[in-house]
Structure formats: C-alpha cells, structure tokens
C-alpha cells in the first residue's frame, strides 16, 4: 500500500452510482451527447447515453479491482466515442475546463501533439478521471477512490444477497451444510 493512498468507506453501490454520474457529467461537458459506448473488448457494445436496462446491467457487472490490499477496491470504466469530429481538441479543452471548475487537478498524461490530447484529473481522495481526444475518437475514463467498505473489499460475499429465487435456495442450503 502506498502511504499517500487515501481510503474511503464508499459502498459498492455508491461507487457504481458515482461512476455513472461522473461519466454523464463529462459527456455533458464535452457537448458531444451521442455516440458514447462502454469500452468492452470481449462482448458487443451498447449505447451509454441515457438510462437503460443494458447500462444498468453493465454497471452491476463492474467489480472492484484491488487498490490498497486485499480488503479494498476501486471501480474503473471507460467510455469510447468513435464519432469523427472536426475539432476533437476543443472537446478536450471543454472537459478539462469543466473538471478544473469542479475542483479536480488536471495534468497531461502525454505531451499534447497534433494527433492526440490525453490528460487526467485527480482528486484528494484518490479518484481519477481521464480524457483522450484524437482524430479517431474520444475516451472518458472514470476511476473511483479506493474504498475499504466491506461491500467493496469482499464484494463476492455480498453479490446476490438479495436474490431469494427458489432456484438458488437449494444451492445455498447445500453450501451452508
């Protein structure tokens, strides 16, 4: 664990809501309302913009990655937009300005050039936002702070607790015997 790592106590549900909210705010700041989809490599994409069952299912399937030891975790999502824009760098400027007005500290990940702008925004609690703009498209990255909440650090024990379907009940009883 890094000594400078700030730990929070956000629940897994709170982290998922925060991911969606920050992604939606970045999309609004970009002024590119359409064309956003989650960054998936192993299954088909679906549109991100606007509430939908697919979006809800996707968020419910985002699980923590370890960040400060085995009893902590953070969530990470990426949203692509493959729409070719005349001036993608002005989009990056709008997002960066918005994040700065929200109190985030922005810095370039790579030096800006004629082909790509890639920057990040950091918050004191360890949450990170990222934005990439190029002639090929846009990318928003959202990463929660590191949480030590039991629902995050031990998420496998908490998944499905509210599912009382009759199909799973016998399996639970067998496991507990």
Protein backbone atom coordinates (compact mmCIF):
# COMPACT_ATOMS: atom_id res chain seq x y z
CA UNK A 1 0.00 0.00 0.00
CA UNK A 2 1.27 3.46 -0.86
CA UNK A 3 1.42 5.72 2.17
CA UNK A 4 -0.20 8.57 0.25
CA UNK A 5 -3.20 6.39 -0.69
CA UNK A 6 -6.39 7.93 0.68
CA UNK A 7 -9.01 5.35 1.65
CA UNK A 8 -12.75 5.96 1.73
CA UNK A 9 -15.67 3.93 3.04
CA UNK A 10 -17.94 4.15 -0.02
CA UNK A 11 -20.12 1.12 -0.63
CA UNK A 12 -20.03 -0.77 -3.91
CA UNK A 13 -23.46 0.68 -4.80
CA UNK A 14 -22.28 4.21 -4.04
CA UNK A 15 -19.21 3.71 -6.22
CA UNK A 16 -21.34 2.48 -9.14
CA UNK A 17 -23.68 5.47 -8.86
CA UNK A 18 -20.68 7.82 -8.73
CA UNK A 19 -19.15 6.22 -11.86
CA UNK A 20 -22.33 6.80 -13.85
CA UNK A 21 -22.73 10.34 -12.55
CA UNK A 22 -19.15 11.37 -13.37
CA UNK A 23 -19.35 9.80 -16.83
CA UNK A 24 -22.61 11.65 -17.51
CA UNK A 25 -21.12 14.96 -16.31
CA UNK A 26 -18.08 14.52 -18.57
CA UNK A 27 -20.34 13.75 -21.54
CA UNK A 28 -22.39 16.88 -20.82
CA UNK A 29 -19.20 18.97 -20.56
CA UNK A 30 -17.93 17.54 -23.86
CA UNK A 31 -21.05 18.82 -25.65
CA UNK A 32 -20.97 15.57 -27.65
CA UNK A 33 -24.19 13.95 -26.41
CA UNK A 34 -24.35 10.94 -28.72
CA UNK A 35 -22.12 8.08 -29.75
CA UNK A 36 -20.77 7.08 -26.33
CA UNK A 37 -20.44 3.39 -25.54
CA UNK A 38 -18.62 1.40 -22.89
CA UNK A 39 -15.13 0.16 -23.61
CA UNK A 40 -15.50 -3.61 -23.93
CA UNK A 41 -13.22 -5.93 -25.82
CA UNK A 42 -14.89 -9.29 -25.25
CA UNK A 43 -18.59 -8.58 -25.92
CA UNK A 44 -20.79 -6.27 -28.02
CA UNK A 45 -21.15 -2.63 -27.04
CA UNK A 46 -24.37 -0.75 -26.43
CA UNK A 47 -25.02 2.97 -26.15
CA UNK A 48 -24.17 4.57 -22.81
CA UNK A 49 -26.15 7.80 -23.05
CA UNK A 50 -29.42 7.74 -21.16
CA UNK A 51 -30.70 5.22 -18.61
CA UNK A 52 -31.36 1.76 -19.99
CA UNK A 53 -31.50 -1.83 -18.83
CA UNK A 54 -28.24 -2.56 -20.64
CA UNK A 55 -26.49 0.32 -18.91
CA UNK A 56 -27.82 -0.80 -15.51
CA UNK A 57 -26.68 -4.38 -16.19
CA UNK A 58 -23.28 -3.13 -17.27
CA UNK A 59 -22.86 -1.09 -14.07
CA UNK A 60 -23.97 -4.04 -11.93
CA UNK A 61 -21.24 -6.07 -13.65
CA UNK A 62 -18.45 -3.62 -12.81
CA UNK A 63 -16.50 -5.13 -9.95
CA UNK A 64 -13.66 -3.75 -7.84
CA UNK A 65 -10.01 -4.14 -8.58
CA UNK A 66 -7.64 -4.23 -5.63
CA UNK A 67 -6.05 -0.90 -4.78
CA UNK A 68 -4.54 -0.99 -1.28
CA UNK A 69 -4.54 -4.61 -0.26
CA UNK A 70 -7.00 -7.45 -0.41
CA UNK A 71 -9.67 -5.73 1.67
CA UNK A 72 -10.05 -2.69 -0.54
CA UNK A 73 -11.13 -1.91 -4.07
CA UNK A 74 -11.99 0.68 -6.69
CA UNK A 75 -14.11 0.65 -9.82
CA UNK A 76 -12.99 1.70 -13.29
CA UNK A 77 -14.93 2.27 -16.50
CA UNK A 78 -14.06 3.64 -19.90
CA UNK A 79 -16.43 5.12 -22.47
CA UNK A 80 -15.48 5.47 -26.13
CA UNK A 81 -16.93 7.73 -28.76
CA UNK A 82 -15.91 6.78 -32.29
CA UNK A 83 -17.63 9.73 -33.95
CA UNK A 84 -15.12 11.61 -36.07
CA UNK A 85 -15.20 15.28 -35.11
CA UNK A 86 -13.86 18.27 -36.97
CA UNK A 87 -12.09 19.57 -33.84
CA UNK A 88 -11.73 16.91 -31.13
CA UNK A 89 -9.19 19.05 -29.25
CA UNK A 90 -11.80 21.72 -28.47
CA UNK A 91 -13.84 18.94 -26.85
CA UNK A 92 -10.84 18.09 -24.66
CA UNK A 93 -10.50 21.77 -23.71
CA UNK A 94 -14.15 21.91 -22.61
CA UNK A 95 -13.85 18.76 -20.48
CA UNK A 96 -10.58 19.90 -18.88
CA UNK A 97 -12.06 23.32 -18.05
CA UNK A 98 -15.15 21.72 -16.56
CA UNK A 99 -13.15 19.36 -14.36
CA UNK A 100 -10.97 22.23 -13.16
CA UNK A 101 -14.04 24.27 -12.19
CA UNK A 102 -15.24 21.22 -10.25
CA UNK A 103 -12.01 21.29 -8.21
CA UNK A 104 -10.11 18.50 -9.94
CA UNK A 105 -6.36 18.92 -10.52
CA UNK A 106 -5.61 18.23 -14.18
CA UNK A 107 -2.31 17.20 -15.76
CA UNK A 108 -1.18 15.89 -19.13
CA UNK A 109 -0.54 12.14 -19.25
CA UNK A 110 1.33 12.54 -22.52
CA UNK A 111 2.52 15.79 -24.07
CA UNK A 112 -0.23 17.19 -26.32
CA UNK A 113 0.60 16.88 -30.01
CA UNK A 114 -1.08 17.29 -33.39
CA UNK A 115 -2.64 13.81 -33.15
CA UNK A 116 -3.79 13.34 -29.57
CA UNK A 117 -4.51 15.05 -26.26
CA UNK A 118 -4.51 12.80 -23.19
CA UNK A 119 -4.93 14.23 -19.70
CA UNK A 120 -6.14 13.17 -16.30
CA UNK A 121 -7.85 14.80 -13.35
CA UNK A 122 -7.11 13.83 -9.77
CA UNK A 123 -8.98 14.45 -6.56
CA UNK A 124 -7.62 14.38 -2.99
CA UNK A 125 -9.47 11.15 -2.18
CA UNK A 126 -7.68 9.29 -4.98
CA UNK A 127 -10.47 9.31 -7.57
CA UNK A 128 -9.16 9.75 -11.12
CA UNK A 129 -10.76 10.92 -14.36
CA UNK A 130 -9.11 10.70 -17.76
CA UNK A 131 -9.85 12.07 -21.21
CA UNK A 132 -8.33 11.33 -24.59
CA UNK A 133 -9.17 13.19 -27.80
CA UNK A 134 -7.82 12.30 -31.22
CA UNK A 135 -8.92 12.29 -34.84
CA UNK A 136 -10.09 8.70 -34.29
CA UNK A 137 -12.43 9.48 -31.39
CA UNK A 138 -12.78 10.28 -27.71
CA UNK A 139 -12.33 8.31 -24.50
CA UNK A 140 -13.56 9.09 -20.99
CA UNK A 141 -12.08 7.13 -18.10
CA UNK A 142 -13.57 7.17 -14.60
CA UNK A 143 -11.95 5.52 -11.56
CA UNK A 144 -13.38 5.72 -8.05
CA UNK A 145 -11.37 6.33 -4.94
CA UNK A 146 -10.07 3.30 -3.06
CA UNK A 147 -12.66 2.03 -0.58
CA UNK A 148 -12.27 -0.26 2.40
CA UNK A 149 -16.02 -0.78 2.76
CA UNK A 150 -16.86 -4.46 3.28
CA UNK A 151 -19.13 -4.48 0.20
CA UNK A 152 -16.13 -3.43 -1.93
CA UNK A 153 -13.27 -5.31 -0.27
CA UNK A 154 -15.27 -8.51 0.00
CA UNK A 155 -17.70 -7.97 -2.88
CA UNK A 156 -18.04 -11.67 -3.74
CA UNK A 157 -19.64 -12.34 -0.36
CA UNK A 158 -22.12 -9.51 -0.92
CA UNK A 159 -23.15 -10.18 -4.52
CA UNK A 160 -26.55 -11.84 -4.81
CA UNK A 161 -27.51 -11.48 -1.14
CA UNK A 162 -30.92 -10.11 -2.07
CA UNK A 163 -31.61 -12.91 -4.56
CA UNK A 164 -34.06 -15.26 -2.90
CA UNK A 165 -35.05 -17.16 -6.02
CA UNK A 166 -36.18 -20.70 -5.40
CA UNK A 167 -33.61 -21.98 -7.92
CA UNK A 168 -30.69 -20.70 -5.84
CA UNK A 169 -32.06 -21.51 -2.41
CA UNK A 170 -31.20 -25.27 -2.50
CA UNK A 171 -27.67 -24.44 -3.63
CA UNK A 172 -27.21 -22.02 -0.73
CA UNK A 173 -28.50 -24.60 1.72
CA UNK A 174 -26.07 -27.23 0.34
CA UNK A 175 -23.16 -24.84 0.64
CA UNK A 176 -24.02 -23.99 4.25
CA UNK A 177 -24.39 -27.63 5.33
